[in-house]
Protein backbone atom coordinates (compact mmCIF):
# COMPACT_ATOMS: atom_id res chain seq x y z
CA MET A 1 6.02 -31.74 5.71
CA VAL A 2 8.26 -31.57 3.04
CA VAL A 3 10.34 -29.68 5.72
CA ALA A 4 9.59 -32.36 8.32
CA ALA A 5 10.86 -35.21 6.27
CA PHE A 6 14.02 -33.30 5.46
CA ALA A 7 14.83 -32.51 8.95
CA SER A 8 14.62 -35.66 9.66
CA LEU A 9 16.94 -37.42 7.28
CA ILE A 10 19.61 -34.84 8.06
CA LEU A 11 18.93 -36.17 12.13
CA LEU A 12 19.16 -39.79 11.52
CA LEU A 13 22.13 -39.27 8.41
CA PRO A 14 24.73 -39.74 11.03
CA ILE A 15 23.46 -43.38 11.74
CA LEU A 16 22.56 -44.42 8.12
CA TRP A 17 25.46 -43.42 6.33
CA PRO A 18 27.08 -46.12 4.57
CA PHE A 19 30.57 -45.17 4.29
CA SER A 20 31.39 -44.94 8.23
CA GLU A 21 33.91 -47.01 9.40
CA LYS A 22 31.60 -47.77 12.59
CA ASP A 23 28.40 -48.58 14.00
CA TYR A 24 27.39 -44.89 15.19
CA PHE A 25 25.88 -47.23 18.66
CA THR A 26 28.33 -49.85 19.24
CA GLY A 27 30.81 -48.46 17.91
CA ASN A 28 32.67 -51.40 16.73
CA VAL A 29 32.92 -52.05 12.41
CA LYS A 30 30.73 -51.93 10.20
CA THR A 31 29.56 -55.49 8.13
CA ALA A 32 29.04 -55.30 4.84
CA SER A 33 25.53 -56.04 5.57
CA SER A 34 25.11 -52.83 7.86
CA ARG A 35 26.21 -50.51 5.29
CA PHE A 36 24.37 -52.22 2.51
CA SER A 37 20.80 -51.32 4.97
CA GLY A 38 22.30 -48.23 5.40
CA THR A 39 22.47 -47.16 1.95
CA LEU A 40 19.30 -48.85 0.57
CA THR A 41 17.46 -46.90 4.12
CA LEU A 42 19.37 -43.36 2.49
CA THR A 43 17.98 -44.36 -0.59
CA VAL A 44 14.90 -44.77 -0.28
CA SER A 45 14.13 -41.71 2.27
CA LEU A 46 15.64 -39.85 -0.39
CA ALA A 47 13.39 -41.12 -2.98
CA ILE A 48 9.87 -40.57 -0.70
CA ILE A 49 11.48 -37.06 0.39
CA THR A 50 11.71 -36.19 -4.03
CA TYR A 51 8.25 -37.38 -4.07
CA LEU A 52 7.18 -35.39 -1.47
CA VAL A 53 8.50 -32.39 -3.01
CA ILE A 54 7.22 -32.52 -6.59
CA SER A 55 3.75 -33.47 -5.45
CA VAL A 56 3.84 -30.46 -3.47
CA SER A 57 0.79 -28.88 -5.49
CA GLN A 58 0.85 -24.99 -5.60
CA ILE A 59 -1.41 -23.13 -3.65
CA PRO A 60 -4.68 -21.59 -5.29
CA TRP A 61 -4.42 -18.27 -6.14
CA GLY A 62 -7.92 -17.46 -5.42
CA VAL A 63 -6.50 -18.01 -1.87
CA ILE A 64 -3.45 -15.48 -1.97
CA ALA A 65 -6.16 -12.62 -3.90
CA TYR A 66 -8.84 -13.19 -1.67
CA GLY A 67 -7.60 -14.72 1.96
CA ARG A 68 -10.63 -15.26 3.94
CA PHE A 69 -13.29 -14.35 1.02
CA THR A 70 -12.17 -17.35 -1.03
CA ALA A 71 -15.08 -19.47 -0.26
CA THR A 72 -17.48 -16.83 -1.54
CA MET A 73 -15.97 -15.86 -4.73
CA ALA A 74 -15.13 -19.19 -5.23
CA ASP A 75 -17.56 -19.39 -8.56
CA SER A 76 -16.35 -16.47 -10.67
CA LEU A 77 -12.43 -17.49 -9.95
CA VAL A 78 -10.66 -19.54 -12.74
CA PRO A 79 -8.41 -21.50 -11.93
CA GLY A 80 -4.29 -21.49 -13.14
CA ILE A 81 -2.44 -18.25 -14.89
CA THR A 82 -3.20 -16.56 -17.75
CA THR A 83 -2.92 -13.98 -19.98
CA VAL A 84 -4.07 -10.27 -20.78
CA ASP A 85 -4.71 -11.53 -24.59
CA LYS A 86 -6.42 -14.37 -23.80
CA ILE A 87 -9.11 -13.36 -21.00
CA ASN A 88 -9.26 -10.37 -23.50
CA ASN A 89 -9.93 -12.86 -26.52
CA GLU A 90 -11.56 -15.52 -24.81
CA GLY A 91 -12.59 -14.80 -21.21
CA GLU A 92 -15.89 -14.52 -19.77
CA PRO A 93 -17.56 -11.35 -18.42
CA ASP A 94 -18.43 -13.17 -15.42
CA LYS A 95 -15.44 -13.78 -14.38
CA THR A 96 -12.09 -13.02 -12.96
CA TYR A 97 -8.65 -14.05 -13.67
CA CYS A 98 -5.15 -14.29 -12.18
CA ILE A 99 -2.05 -13.20 -14.78
CA TYR A 100 0.54 -13.21 -12.00
CA ALA A 101 0.59 -14.43 -8.33
CA GLY A 102 3.93 -15.82 -5.89
CA GLU A 103 5.04 -16.73 -2.60
CA GLY A 104 7.09 -14.12 -1.14
CA LYS A 105 9.64 -14.03 0.99
CA ASN A 106 7.27 -11.03 3.54
CA VAL A 107 3.57 -11.77 1.59
CA SER A 108 1.94 -14.11 -1.11
CA ILE A 109 0.81 -11.59 -4.04
CA ALA A 110 -1.66 -12.04 -7.08
CA VAL A 111 -2.53 -9.68 -9.68
CA SER A 112 -6.22 -10.15 -10.82
CA ARG A 113 -7.87 -9.12 -14.46
CA THR A 114 -11.49 -9.41 -15.49
CA LYS A 115 -12.66 -9.04 -19.22
CA SER A 116 -14.01 -5.66 -18.19
CA GLY A 117 -9.85 -4.61 -17.51
CA LEU A 118 -10.63 -4.72 -14.03
CA GLN A 119 -6.81 -5.10 -12.65
CA SER A 120 -6.11 -5.52 -8.69
CA PHE A 121 -3.31 -6.36 -7.34
CA HIS A 122 -3.67 -8.65 -3.95
CA GLY A 123 -1.74 -8.91 -1.10
CA ALA A 124 -2.29 -10.39 2.29
CA GLY A 125 -5.56 -12.11 0.82
CA LYS A 126 -7.20 -9.09 -0.24
CA VAL A 127 -7.11 -5.76 -2.98
CA GLN A 128 -4.47 -3.30 -2.43
CA ALA A 129 -4.68 -1.83 -4.96
CA SER A 130 -6.95 -1.31 -8.45
CA ASN A 131 -7.25 0.08 -11.63
CA ASP A 132 -11.61 0.81 -10.48
CA PRO A 133 -11.69 4.69 -10.85
CA LEU A 134 -12.33 5.44 -6.94
CA ASP A 135 -8.70 3.67 -6.20
CA MET A 136 -7.57 5.23 -8.83
CA LYS A 137 -8.10 8.53 -7.74
CA LEU A 138 -7.52 7.85 -4.44
CA GLN A 139 -3.82 6.47 -5.64
CA ARG A 140 -3.15 9.59 -7.62
CA LEU A 141 -4.51 12.40 -5.07
CA LEU A 142 -1.60 10.50 -2.84
CA GLY A 143 0.82 11.68 -5.14
CA HIS A 144 -0.24 14.63 -6.63
CA ILE A 145 -1.51 17.02 -3.87
CA CYS A 146 2.17 16.18 -2.30
CA ALA A 147 4.28 17.51 -5.23
CA LEU A 148 2.10 20.85 -5.74
CA THR A 149 1.59 21.74 -2.85
CA ASN A 150 5.38 22.29 -3.17
CA LYS A 151 7.35 24.57 -5.33
CA ASP A 152 10.38 22.87 -5.86
CA PRO A 153 8.97 18.74 -5.22
CA ASN A 154 12.70 17.18 -6.26
CA ALA A 155 13.03 14.43 -4.06
CA VAL A 156 10.32 11.99 -3.11
CA LEU A 157 10.73 9.10 -0.71
CA VAL A 158 7.62 6.26 -1.39
CA VAL A 159 7.02 3.64 1.31
CA ALA A 160 5.21 0.74 -0.47
CA CYS A 161 5.20 0.59 -4.20
CA GLY A 162 2.15 -1.98 -5.30
CA ALA A 163 0.91 -1.34 -7.89
CA GLY A 164 2.80 2.19 -8.58
CA VAL A 165 0.01 4.20 -8.91
CA THR A 166 0.89 6.78 -6.38
CA ALA A 167 4.78 6.98 -7.43
CA GLY A 168 3.82 7.05 -10.60
CA SER A 169 1.92 10.20 -9.92
CA PHE A 170 5.09 12.09 -9.33
CA VAL A 171 6.94 11.53 -12.58
CA PRO A 172 4.94 13.41 -15.33
CA HIS A 173 5.89 16.57 -12.33
CA PRO A 174 8.83 18.63 -14.30
CA GLU A 175 10.13 19.54 -10.81
CA VAL A 176 10.86 15.68 -9.80
CA HIS A 177 14.16 14.43 -10.52
CA ASP A 178 14.36 11.76 -7.77
CA ILE A 179 11.99 9.13 -7.08
CA THR A 180 13.11 6.45 -4.43
CA ILE A 181 10.67 4.08 -4.05
CA VAL A 182 10.96 1.31 -1.05
CA ASP A 183 9.10 -1.97 -0.37
CA ILE A 184 10.04 -4.84 1.60
CA GLU A 185 8.94 -7.57 -0.76
CA PRO A 186 11.31 -8.16 -3.75
CA LEU A 187 8.40 -9.68 -6.45
CA VAL A 188 6.38 -6.25 -5.64
CA PRO A 189 8.07 -3.98 -8.00
CA LYS A 190 9.49 -6.98 -10.12
CA ASN A 191 6.12 -8.27 -10.93
CA VAL A 192 3.32 -6.71 -9.85
CA ALA A 193 4.28 -2.72 -10.56
CA PRO A 194 5.25 -3.40 -14.31
CA ARG A 195 1.64 -4.74 -14.81
CA PHE A 196 0.48 -1.58 -14.63
CA ALA A 197 2.98 0.53 -16.77
CA TYR A 198 -0.09 2.11 -18.34
CA GLU A 199 -1.58 3.63 -14.94
CA ASN A 200 1.55 4.30 -13.29
CA HIS A 201 3.46 6.47 -15.82
CA ASP A 202 5.65 3.42 -16.15
CA VAL A 203 7.29 4.61 -13.14
CA ILE A 204 9.53 1.76 -12.58
CA ASN A 205 11.42 1.99 -16.05
CA SER A 206 11.39 6.16 -15.17
CA PRO A 207 15.10 7.24 -15.33
CA LYS A 208 13.73 9.03 -12.27
CA THR A 209 13.19 6.15 -10.36
CA THR A 210 15.21 4.14 -7.77
CA VAL A 211 13.61 1.06 -6.39
CA VAL A 212 15.37 -0.11 -2.60
CA ILE A 213 14.39 -3.79 -1.59
CA ASP A 214 14.21 -2.98 2.38
CA ASP A 215 11.92 -2.59 5.28
CA GLY A 216 10.20 1.20 5.37
CA ARG A 217 11.77 1.75 8.47
CA HIS A 218 15.25 0.41 8.46
CA PHE A 219 15.52 2.24 6.03
CA ILE A 220 14.96 5.91 7.05
CA HIS A 221 16.05 5.02 9.89
CA THR A 222 19.23 4.71 7.74
CA THR A 223 19.69 6.85 5.39
CA LYS A 224 21.04 9.87 5.54
CA LYS A 225 18.91 11.58 2.54
CA MET A 226 16.85 14.33 2.91
CA PHE A 227 13.10 14.67 1.04
CA VAL A 228 10.68 16.82 -0.05
CA VAL A 229 7.52 14.72 -0.17
CA ILE A 230 7.09 11.28 1.70
CA THR A 231 4.13 9.25 0.57
CA SER A 232 3.61 5.91 2.68
CA ASP A 233 1.22 3.30 1.54
CA PRO A 234 1.19 0.68 3.82
CA ILE A 235 -1.16 -2.63 3.23
CA ASP A 236 -3.89 -2.61 6.09
CA PRO A 237 -3.11 -1.41 9.70
CA TRP A 238 -4.88 -4.79 11.19
CA VAL A 239 -1.81 -6.96 9.15
CA LYS A 240 0.91 -7.87 11.21
CA GLY A 241 3.89 -6.10 11.65
CA CYS A 242 1.80 -2.59 9.00
CA ALA A 243 1.22 -0.38 12.54
CA ALA A 244 4.95 0.09 13.04
CA LEU A 245 4.45 2.19 9.94
CA ASN A 246 1.68 4.15 12.13
CA THR A 247 3.08 5.19 15.11
CA VAL A 248 4.82 8.31 16.54
CA GLU A 249 8.09 7.50 15.96
CA TYR A 250 8.33 6.02 12.69
CA TYR A 251 6.06 9.75 11.70
CA GLN A 252 8.99 11.53 14.03
CA MET A 253 11.30 9.87 12.05
CA CYS A 254 10.18 11.04 8.51
CA TYR A 255 8.77 14.52 9.62
CA ASP A 256 13.28 14.48 10.53
CA HIS A 257 14.22 13.82 7.07
CA LEU A 258 11.83 16.06 5.61
CA ASN A 259 12.81 19.81 4.43
CA ASP A 260 11.80 23.01 5.47
CA GLY A 261 8.35 22.50 3.41
CA GLY A 262 8.58 19.10 3.33
CA VAL A 263 4.96 17.18 3.18
CA MET A 264 4.47 13.41 4.24
CA ALA A 265 1.01 11.72 3.16
CA LEU A 266 -0.05 8.08 3.61
CA TRP A 267 -3.16 6.37 2.67
CA MET A 268 -5.86 5.78 5.56
CA PRO A 269 -9.06 3.49 4.85
CA PHE A 270 -12.33 3.73 6.14
CA TYR A 271 -13.90 1.07 4.90
CA GLU A 272 -12.92 -2.54 6.85
CA SER A 273 -12.63 -0.05 10.09
CA SER A 274 -14.29 1.82 12.72
CA ASP A 275 -14.57 5.42 14.27
CA GLU A 276 -11.74 4.26 17.24
CA THR A 277 -8.97 3.31 14.68
CA VAL A 278 -9.25 6.27 12.18
CA LYS A 279 -9.74 7.85 15.41
CA SER A 280 -6.28 6.45 16.41
CA LEU A 281 -4.94 7.04 13.14
CA ILE A 282 -5.32 10.53 12.44
CA THR A 283 -4.99 11.02 15.97
CA THR A 284 -1.27 9.70 16.14
CA PHE A 285 -0.56 11.69 13.12
CA PHE A 286 -1.61 15.09 14.68
CA GLN A 287 0.86 14.36 16.98
CA VAL A 288 3.78 15.45 14.60
CA PHE A 289 1.75 17.23 12.01
CA PRO A 290 -0.14 19.92 14.58
CA ASP A 291 -1.50 21.58 11.84
CA ALA A 292 -2.61 18.72 9.10
CA ILE A 293 -4.97 17.73 6.92
CA ILE A 294 -7.36 14.63 5.61
CA TRP A 295 -8.18 14.80 1.98
CA SER A 296 -10.96 11.91 2.11
CA ASN A 297 -11.53 10.04 -1.31
CA ASP A 298 -14.35 9.45 -1.27
CA ASP A 299 -17.92 9.01 -3.82
CA TYR A 300 -20.23 11.99 -3.71
CA GLY A 301 -20.12 12.14 -0.17
CA ARG A 302 -20.29 8.49 0.63
CA GLY A 303 -16.43 7.30 2.34
CA TYR A 304 -14.16 4.92 1.45
CA ASP A 305 -10.39 6.09 2.04
CA ALA A 306 -8.45 9.15 2.70
CA VAL A 307 -5.18 10.58 2.59
CA LEU A 308 -3.10 11.73 6.03
CA PHE A 309 -1.12 15.24 4.80
CA GLY A 310 1.15 16.96 7.02
CA GLN A 311 3.42 19.64 5.82
CA LYS A 312 6.31 21.15 7.84
CA GLY A 313 6.04 24.69 8.99
CA GLY A 314 2.28 24.39 7.70
CA THR A 315 0.37 24.10 4.64
CA VAL A 316 -1.36 27.59 2.68
CA ILE A 317 -2.60 26.68 -0.56
CA ASP A 318 -2.36 29.69 -3.27
CA ILE A 319 -5.62 27.96 -5.98
CA ASP A 320 -4.80 30.95 -8.77
CA ALA A 321 -0.96 30.27 -8.16
CA LEU A 322 -1.80 26.34 -8.50
CA LYS A 323 -3.84 27.31 -11.96
CA GLU A 324 -1.16 29.01 -13.18
CA ARG A 325 1.61 26.40 -12.04
CA LEU A 326 -0.66 23.89 -14.12
CA SER A 327 -1.31 25.92 -17.28
CA ASP A 328 2.09 25.94 -18.45
CA ASP A 329 3.37 23.45 -21.92
CA ALA A 330 5.31 21.50 -18.86
CA HIS A 331 2.28 20.56 -17.10
CA ALA A 332 0.51 19.06 -19.91
CA PRO A 333 1.20 15.26 -19.07
CA VAL A 334 0.32 16.52 -15.43
CA ARG A 335 -3.18 17.80 -16.30
CA GLU A 336 -3.58 14.72 -17.80
CA SER A 337 -2.96 12.61 -15.61
CA MET A 338 -5.21 14.61 -13.31
CA ALA A 339 -8.00 14.60 -15.74
CA TYR A 340 -8.24 10.33 -15.54
CA VAL A 341 -9.13 10.37 -12.52
CA GLY A 342 -11.41 13.27 -12.52
CA PHE A 343 -9.18 15.98 -11.50
CA ASN A 344 -10.61 18.33 -14.51
CA ASP A 345 -8.66 21.25 -12.53
CA VAL A 346 -7.19 22.04 -9.72
CA GLU A 347 -10.95 22.99 -7.65
CA ASP A 348 -11.85 19.18 -8.62
CA MET A 349 -8.94 18.23 -6.67
CA LEU A 350 -8.66 20.68 -3.75
CA ALA A 351 -12.43 19.41 -3.13
CA SER A 352 -11.33 16.39 -2.06
CA TYR A 353 -10.20 18.57 2.01
CA ALA A 354 -12.57 16.96 4.67
CA GLY A 355 -11.16 18.44 7.54
CA GLN A 356 -8.05 19.73 9.58
CA ALA A 357 -6.30 18.90 13.23
CA SER A 358 -7.58 22.31 15.11
CA ASP A 359 -10.70 21.85 13.89
CA MET A 360 -10.69 18.47 14.31
CA VAL A 361 -9.89 18.42 18.15
CA GLU A 362 -13.38 17.87 19.59
CA TRP A 363 -14.07 14.32 17.80
CA SER A 364 -10.52 13.28 18.31
CA GLU A 365 -10.94 13.11 22.28
CA GLY A 366 -9.94 9.82 23.81
CA ALA A 367 -8.21 8.48 21.03
CA GLN A 368 -5.79 6.00 21.75
CA ILE A 369 -2.38 7.19 20.13
CA ASN A 370 -0.36 4.18 18.33
CA TRP A 371 3.42 4.20 20.06
CA ASP A 372 6.21 2.21 19.30
CA LYS A 373 6.30 0.18 22.89
CA ASN A 374 2.43 -0.46 22.58
CA LEU A 375 1.06 -1.07 18.76
CA ARG A 376 -2.24 0.10 19.53
CA LEU A 377 -3.64 0.38 16.40
CA GLN A 378 -2.61 -3.23 15.23
CA TYR A 379 -5.35 -4.25 17.67
CA ILE A 380 -7.87 -1.60 17.48
CA ALA A 381 -8.07 -2.23 13.86
CA GLY A 382 -8.39 -5.76 13.79
CA MET A 383 -11.21 -5.69 16.00
CA TRP A 384 -12.96 -4.02 12.78
CA LEU A 385 -11.58 -5.45 9.22
CA ASN A 386 -15.44 -7.53 9.16
CA SER A 387 -16.58 -4.19 9.20
CA TYR A 388 -18.21 -1.69 6.64
CA VAL A 389 -19.58 1.65 8.12
CA GLU A 390 -17.13 4.11 6.29
CA GLU A 391 -19.97 6.13 5.62
CA ASP A 392 -20.55 6.54 9.25
CA ILE A 393 -16.74 7.46 9.62
CA LEU A 394 -16.71 10.47 7.08
CA ASP A 395 -20.62 11.70 8.04
CA ASP A 396 -19.00 12.02 12.39
CA MET A 397 -15.53 13.47 10.57
CA LEU A 398 -17.99 16.40 8.47
CA LYS A 399 -19.62 17.45 11.53
CA TYR A 400 -16.76 19.33 12.24
CA TYR A 401 -16.51 20.32 9.02
CA ARG A 402 -15.19 24.58 8.35
CA PHE A 403 -14.07 26.51 5.23
CA PRO A 404 -10.38 26.33 6.33
CA ASP A 405 -9.35 30.15 5.00
CA ASN A 406 -6.26 29.91 6.70
CA ILE A 407 -5.27 27.40 4.34
CA PHE A 408 -7.08 28.12 0.94
CA LYS A 409 -6.24 31.25 -1.36
CA GLY A 410 -6.94 33.27 -3.76
CA SER A 411 -9.21 35.42 -5.71
CA GLU A 412 -12.51 35.53 -5.22
CA GLU A 413 -13.90 33.52 -7.37
CA SER A 414 -11.33 30.35 -6.98
CA ILE A 415 -13.16 30.43 -3.73
CA SER A 416 -15.97 30.85 -4.18
CA THR A 417 -15.56 27.85 -7.11
CA LEU A 418 -14.03 26.10 -4.36
CA LYS A 419 -17.11 26.57 -1.85
CA GLU A 420 -19.43 25.44 -3.95
CA LYS A 421 -17.35 22.18 -5.28
CA LEU A 422 -17.10 21.35 -1.60
CA ALA A 423 -20.66 21.65 -0.41
CA ALA A 424 -21.74 19.75 -4.03
CA VAL A 425 -20.16 16.62 -1.65
CA GLY A 426 -21.49 17.39 1.79
CA ARG A 427 -18.44 19.73 3.20
CA ILE A 428 -21.48 22.09 4.65
CA GLU A 429 -20.73 23.87 7.59
CA GLN A 430 -22.56 22.89 10.67
CA ASN A 431 -23.85 25.17 13.00
């Protein structure tokens, strides 16, 4: 409404402008009365526009945070913006408060918090990251598994900042010297990630970190830098434009910017998804990384989300070598970061293994490949955004589970311990 009024005034300005010599329509010299009427009309119009501007109310933060679920959440959402201290001192246990909301150039975002300390980053009308234990486990898995499967992960690229937890997972690793975070929305690294400084090891202020405001694809397409690790953590594939970060061409660009032995990994949701969507996403990734691995972030075998992982040249993980690497004092912060999310040893983290490309050929039959020219994933995913069949998706994938002797190497004791932990979370070979 404000924009329309302002545009109308601009169109009428040549007619109403009181200081022009001649009348716009007749070409005659303006009289004093016509000048006065023009001045009056212009003044009134400006006053109306000013009123409209100052009277426009801010969008409720709940709409930014929860989108289509705002109505169902309304009773628990406290209006207005507050502070963490006020929530801790005066907050009600069953209420959700907002500590930041902003309308960005590319997405509107919010950060919510409860009295119990649960803090969430919202974008595109839903939670995109949080300090909930299951979310933290995924976000740190995405970082640590990439750093530990490479001997010298010195240069890391993180596409999409979010709460910064994935990027922050690289901060404790002594081998990592250069962390580049690319995000298309300036408000996210500026106002969201700093509010998760405890969870993300204050990655934004780390001397290792460089923040770049750019589209992820554009940055990778134009940069001359090479990386040892690239993580890609865009919001859900059904959100407009995000499927472009899950195409064969995008993965190929990432592959081309990896050093030999380099790793690419990305987040993949099972919730608000479908078997068809997950198959499309995974099989598209397999086109570029034919030896890819799936690490599942599930709750004792109940599906939730996962990490797609590909390594240039294939992956071999020496369990005993990893243990030795983590045992020195320099890696004490890494051990602490892993233990915070329940990875008390190497086997705990590796027990997230859920499958590899060579074992999932039959499972992926008929999957639709997501190319730049069709962006099929965006349309497939959009059909299932209100579904919650994550347990069924993981169960179906695990029917093809086989222990990967080609990936995991180590002592008999280490392999035996890993197999036990895999079985405890439902990784059981089915004949």
